[in-house]
Amino acid sequence: MAEEALLAAAAVILLTVLAGLWRVLRGPSQAYKLMAAQFLCTGGIAALLLVAYAYGLPAIVDVALLLALLGAFASVAFVMAARVIGTR
């Protein structure tokens, strides 16, 4: 029973992430697109953690941590690129 509830919550989170994907594709500016990509990362992490807990697979937690790390690197890369473009 609890596993079904966790998987349903993960499915709801993934549906909201799909709504955020629209913003990544159609965002008005680069900053909006970055924020939507961060939302995709956060939603993906939440869904992965729920699935990991539901199935009792600690390896999926490692994948969620890797996704968090990649999302942080993407934000840093965006800020550094914006800084370089702004100084030209």
N, C-alpha and C. Protein backbone atom coordinates (compact mmCIF):
# COMPACT_ATOMS: atom_id res chain seq x y z
N MET A 1 0.82 -1.20 0.00
CA MET A 1 0.00 0.00 0.00
C MET A 1 0.87 1.27 0.00
N ALA A 2 1.88 1.28 0.84
CA ALA A 2 2.74 2.47 0.92
C ALA A 2 3.54 2.65 -0.36
N GLU A 3 3.95 1.54 -0.97
CA GLU A 3 4.72 1.65 -2.21
C GLU A 3 3.90 2.28 -3.32
N GLU A 4 2.62 1.92 -3.40
CA GLU A 4 1.77 2.50 -4.43
C GLU A 4 1.59 4.00 -4.22
N ALA A 5 1.47 4.42 -2.96
CA ALA A 5 1.33 5.84 -2.67
C ALA A 5 2.61 6.60 -3.04
N LEU A 6 3.76 6.02 -2.75
CA LEU A 6 5.02 6.67 -3.10
C LEU A 6 5.19 6.76 -4.61
N LEU A 7 4.82 5.70 -5.31
CA LEU A 7 4.93 5.72 -6.76
C LEU A 7 3.93 6.69 -7.38
N ALA A 8 2.75 6.81 -6.79
CA ALA A 8 1.78 7.79 -7.27
C ALA A 8 2.29 9.20 -7.06
N ALA A 9 2.92 9.45 -5.93
CA ALA A 9 3.50 10.77 -5.68
C ALA A 9 4.62 11.06 -6.67
N ALA A 10 5.42 10.05 -6.98
CA ALA A 10 6.49 10.23 -7.97
C ALA A 10 5.90 10.54 -9.34
N ALA A 11 4.79 9.88 -9.68
CA ALA A 11 4.15 10.14 -10.97
C ALA A 11 3.61 11.56 -11.04
N VAL A 12 3.03 12.05 -9.95
CA VAL A 12 2.53 13.43 -9.92
C VAL A 12 3.68 14.41 -10.07
N ILE A 13 4.78 14.15 -9.41
CA ILE A 13 5.95 15.02 -9.53
C ILE A 13 6.46 15.01 -10.97
N LEU A 14 6.50 13.85 -11.59
CA LEU A 14 6.97 13.78 -12.97
C LEU A 14 6.03 14.51 -13.92
N LEU A 15 4.74 14.52 -13.64
CA LEU A 15 3.80 15.29 -14.47
C LEU A 15 4.06 16.79 -14.35
N THR A 16 4.37 17.26 -13.15
CA THR A 16 4.69 18.67 -12.99
C THR A 16 6.03 19.01 -13.65
N VAL A 17 6.93 18.05 -13.65
CA VAL A 17 8.22 18.26 -14.32
C VAL A 17 8.00 18.39 -15.83
N LEU A 18 7.08 17.61 -16.36
CA LEU A 18 6.77 17.74 -17.79
C LEU A 18 6.19 19.10 -18.12
N ALA A 19 5.42 19.66 -17.20
CA ALA A 19 4.92 21.01 -17.40
C ALA A 19 6.08 22.01 -17.39
N GLY A 20 7.07 21.78 -16.56
CA GLY A 20 8.25 22.64 -16.53
C GLY A 20 9.10 22.52 -17.77
N LEU A 21 9.03 21.38 -18.42
CA LEU A 21 9.79 21.19 -19.66
C LEU A 21 9.32 22.16 -20.74
N TRP A 22 8.04 22.50 -20.71
CA TRP A 22 7.52 23.47 -21.66
C TRP A 22 8.24 24.81 -21.50
N ARG A 23 8.50 25.18 -20.25
CA ARG A 23 9.19 26.45 -20.00
C ARG A 23 10.63 26.41 -20.49
N VAL A 24 11.26 25.26 -20.38
CA VAL A 24 12.63 25.15 -20.88
C VAL A 24 12.65 25.36 -22.40
N LEU A 25 11.69 24.77 -23.06
CA LEU A 25 11.66 24.86 -24.51
C LEU A 25 11.16 26.21 -25.02
N ARG A 26 10.25 26.85 -24.29
CA ARG A 26 9.61 28.05 -24.77
C ARG A 26 9.85 29.27 -23.88
N GLY A 27 10.85 29.23 -23.03
CA GLY A 27 11.10 30.33 -22.10
C GLY A 27 11.45 31.62 -22.81
N PRO A 28 11.05 32.76 -22.22
CA PRO A 28 11.31 34.03 -22.88
C PRO A 28 12.78 34.46 -22.83
N SER A 29 13.51 34.02 -21.82
CA SER A 29 14.92 34.41 -21.74
C SER A 29 15.74 33.23 -21.22
N GLN A 30 17.04 33.40 -21.28
CA GLN A 30 17.94 32.34 -20.84
C GLN A 30 17.81 32.08 -19.34
N ALA A 31 17.58 33.13 -18.56
CA ALA A 31 17.45 32.95 -17.11
C ALA A 31 16.21 32.13 -16.77
N TYR A 32 15.10 32.37 -17.48
CA TYR A 32 13.90 31.57 -17.25
C TYR A 32 14.15 30.11 -17.61
N LYS A 33 14.87 29.92 -18.67
CA LYS A 33 15.18 28.54 -19.09
C LYS A 33 16.06 27.84 -18.06
N LEU A 34 17.01 28.56 -17.48
CA LEU A 34 17.86 27.96 -16.46
C LEU A 34 17.05 27.61 -15.22
N MET A 35 16.17 28.49 -14.80
CA MET A 35 15.34 28.21 -13.63
C MET A 35 14.43 27.01 -13.88
N ALA A 36 13.91 26.89 -15.09
CA ALA A 36 13.07 25.74 -15.42
C ALA A 36 13.91 24.46 -15.43
N ALA A 37 15.14 24.56 -15.91
CA ALA A 37 16.02 23.38 -15.89
C ALA A 37 16.34 22.97 -14.46
N GLN A 38 16.52 23.96 -13.57
CA GLN A 38 16.74 23.64 -12.16
C GLN A 38 15.51 22.97 -11.56
N PHE A 39 14.33 23.42 -11.98
CA PHE A 39 13.09 22.79 -11.53
C PHE A 39 13.01 21.34 -12.02
N LEU A 40 13.43 21.11 -13.26
CA LEU A 40 13.46 19.74 -13.78
C LEU A 40 14.39 18.87 -12.95
N CYS A 41 15.52 19.43 -12.60
CA CYS A 41 16.49 18.68 -11.77
C CYS A 41 15.89 18.36 -10.41
N THR A 42 15.28 19.35 -9.79
CA THR A 42 14.71 19.16 -8.46
C THR A 42 13.58 18.14 -8.49
N GLY A 43 12.72 18.25 -9.48
CA GLY A 43 11.63 17.29 -9.61
C GLY A 43 12.12 15.89 -9.89
N GLY A 44 13.15 15.79 -10.73
CA GLY A 44 13.73 14.48 -11.01
C GLY A 44 14.35 13.85 -9.78
N ILE A 45 15.01 14.67 -8.98
CA ILE A 45 15.61 14.17 -7.74
C ILE A 45 14.53 13.67 -6.79
N ALA A 46 13.45 14.46 -6.65
CA ALA A 46 12.37 14.05 -5.75
C ALA A 46 11.73 12.74 -6.21
N ALA A 47 11.48 12.62 -7.50
CA ALA A 47 10.88 11.39 -8.03
C ALA A 47 11.81 10.20 -7.84
N LEU A 48 13.09 10.40 -8.09
CA LEU A 48 14.05 9.31 -7.90
C LEU A 48 14.13 8.87 -6.44
N LEU A 49 14.11 9.83 -5.53
CA LEU A 49 14.17 9.46 -4.11
C LEU A 49 12.92 8.71 -3.67
N LEU A 50 11.76 9.11 -4.19
CA LEU A 50 10.53 8.39 -3.85
C LEU A 50 10.56 6.96 -4.39
N VAL A 51 11.03 6.80 -5.61
CA VAL A 51 11.13 5.46 -6.21
C VAL A 51 12.15 4.61 -5.45
N ALA A 52 13.26 5.23 -5.06
CA ALA A 52 14.28 4.49 -4.32
C ALA A 52 13.74 4.00 -2.99
N TYR A 53 12.97 4.83 -2.32
CA TYR A 53 12.40 4.42 -1.04
C TYR A 53 11.31 3.37 -1.24
N ALA A 54 10.52 3.51 -2.28
CA ALA A 54 9.42 2.56 -2.53
C ALA A 54 9.95 1.17 -2.82
N TYR A 55 11.01 1.09 -3.61
CA TYR A 55 11.56 -0.21 -3.99
C TYR A 55 12.72 -0.68 -3.11
N GLY A 56 13.21 0.19 -2.24
CA GLY A 56 14.32 -0.18 -1.38
C GLY A 56 15.63 -0.35 -2.12
N LEU A 57 15.86 0.51 -3.12
CA LEU A 57 17.08 0.43 -3.92
C LEU A 57 17.98 1.63 -3.61
N PRO A 58 19.03 1.43 -2.84
CA PRO A 58 19.90 2.56 -2.50
C PRO A 58 20.70 3.08 -3.69
N ALA A 59 20.84 2.32 -4.75
CA ALA A 59 21.59 2.79 -5.91
C ALA A 59 20.87 3.95 -6.60
N ILE A 60 19.56 3.98 -6.50
CA ILE A 60 18.82 5.08 -7.12
C ILE A 60 19.07 6.38 -6.35
N VAL A 61 19.34 6.28 -5.06
CA VAL A 61 19.69 7.47 -4.28
C VAL A 61 21.00 8.06 -4.82
N ASP A 62 21.94 7.19 -5.19
CA ASP A 62 23.19 7.67 -5.78
C ASP A 62 22.94 8.39 -7.09
N VAL A 63 22.01 7.90 -7.89
CA VAL A 63 21.67 8.56 -9.15
C VAL A 63 21.05 9.93 -8.86
N ALA A 64 20.21 10.02 -7.84
CA ALA A 64 19.61 11.31 -7.47
C ALA A 64 20.68 12.30 -7.01
N LEU A 65 21.66 11.82 -6.26
CA LEU A 65 22.74 12.70 -5.83
C LEU A 65 23.58 13.18 -7.01
N LEU A 66 23.79 12.30 -7.97
CA LEU A 66 24.52 12.69 -9.17
C LEU A 66 23.75 13.74 -9.96
N LEU A 67 22.44 13.58 -10.05
CA LEU A 67 21.61 14.56 -10.73
C LEU A 67 21.67 15.91 -10.01
N ALA A 68 21.69 15.91 -8.69
CA ALA A 68 21.82 17.16 -7.93
C ALA A 68 23.15 17.83 -8.22
N LEU A 69 24.20 17.05 -8.30
CA LEU A 69 25.53 17.60 -8.60
C LEU A 69 25.58 18.19 -10.00
N LEU A 70 25.00 17.50 -10.96
CA LEU A 70 24.99 18.01 -12.33
C LEU A 70 24.16 19.29 -12.45
N GLY A 71 23.06 19.36 -11.70
CA GLY A 71 22.25 20.58 -11.72
C GLY A 71 23.01 21.77 -11.14
N ALA A 72 23.77 21.54 -10.10
CA ALA A 72 24.57 22.61 -9.51
C ALA A 72 25.65 23.06 -10.48
N PHE A 73 26.30 22.13 -11.15
CA PHE A 73 27.32 22.49 -12.14
C PHE A 73 26.72 23.27 -13.30
N ALA A 74 25.51 22.92 -13.71
CA ALA A 74 24.85 23.64 -14.80
C ALA A 74 24.59 25.09 -14.40
N SER A 75 24.19 25.31 -13.17
CA SER A 75 23.94 26.69 -12.70
C SER A 75 25.23 27.49 -12.67
N VAL A 76 26.29 26.89 -12.18
CA VAL A 76 27.57 27.58 -12.14
C VAL A 76 28.07 27.89 -13.55
N ALA A 77 27.92 26.95 -14.46
CA ALA A 77 28.34 27.18 -15.84
C ALA A 77 27.54 28.30 -16.48
N PHE A 78 26.25 28.37 -16.19
CA PHE A 78 25.41 29.43 -16.75
C PHE A 78 25.86 30.80 -16.24
N VAL A 79 26.12 30.90 -14.95
CA VAL A 79 26.54 32.19 -14.38
C VAL A 79 27.90 32.60 -14.93
N MET A 80 28.81 31.65 -15.04
CA MET A 80 30.14 32.00 -15.57
C MET A 80 30.05 32.41 -17.04
N ALA A 81 29.22 31.74 -17.82
CA ALA A 81 29.06 32.12 -19.22
C ALA A 81 28.41 33.49 -19.33
N ALA A 82 27.43 33.78 -18.49
CA ALA A 82 26.79 35.09 -18.52
C ALA A 82 27.77 36.19 -18.13
N ARG A 83 28.65 35.88 -17.20
CA ARG A 83 29.65 36.85 -16.77
C ARG A 83 30.64 37.13 -17.90
N VAL A 84 31.05 36.10 -18.63
CA VAL A 84 31.99 36.28 -19.73
C VAL A 84 31.34 37.08 -20.86
N ILE A 85 30.09 36.77 -21.16
CA ILE A 85 29.40 37.48 -22.22
C ILE A 85 29.16 38.93 -21.82
N GLY A 86 28.89 39.16 -20.54
CA GLY A 86 28.63 40.51 -20.06
C GLY A 86 29.86 41.42 -20.07
N THR A 87 31.05 40.85 -20.02
CA THR A 87 32.27 41.66 -20.00
C THR A 87 32.75 42.02 -21.40
N ARG A 88 32.15 41.48 -22.41
CA ARG A 88 32.59 41.79 -23.78
C ARG A 88 32.06 43.10 -24.26
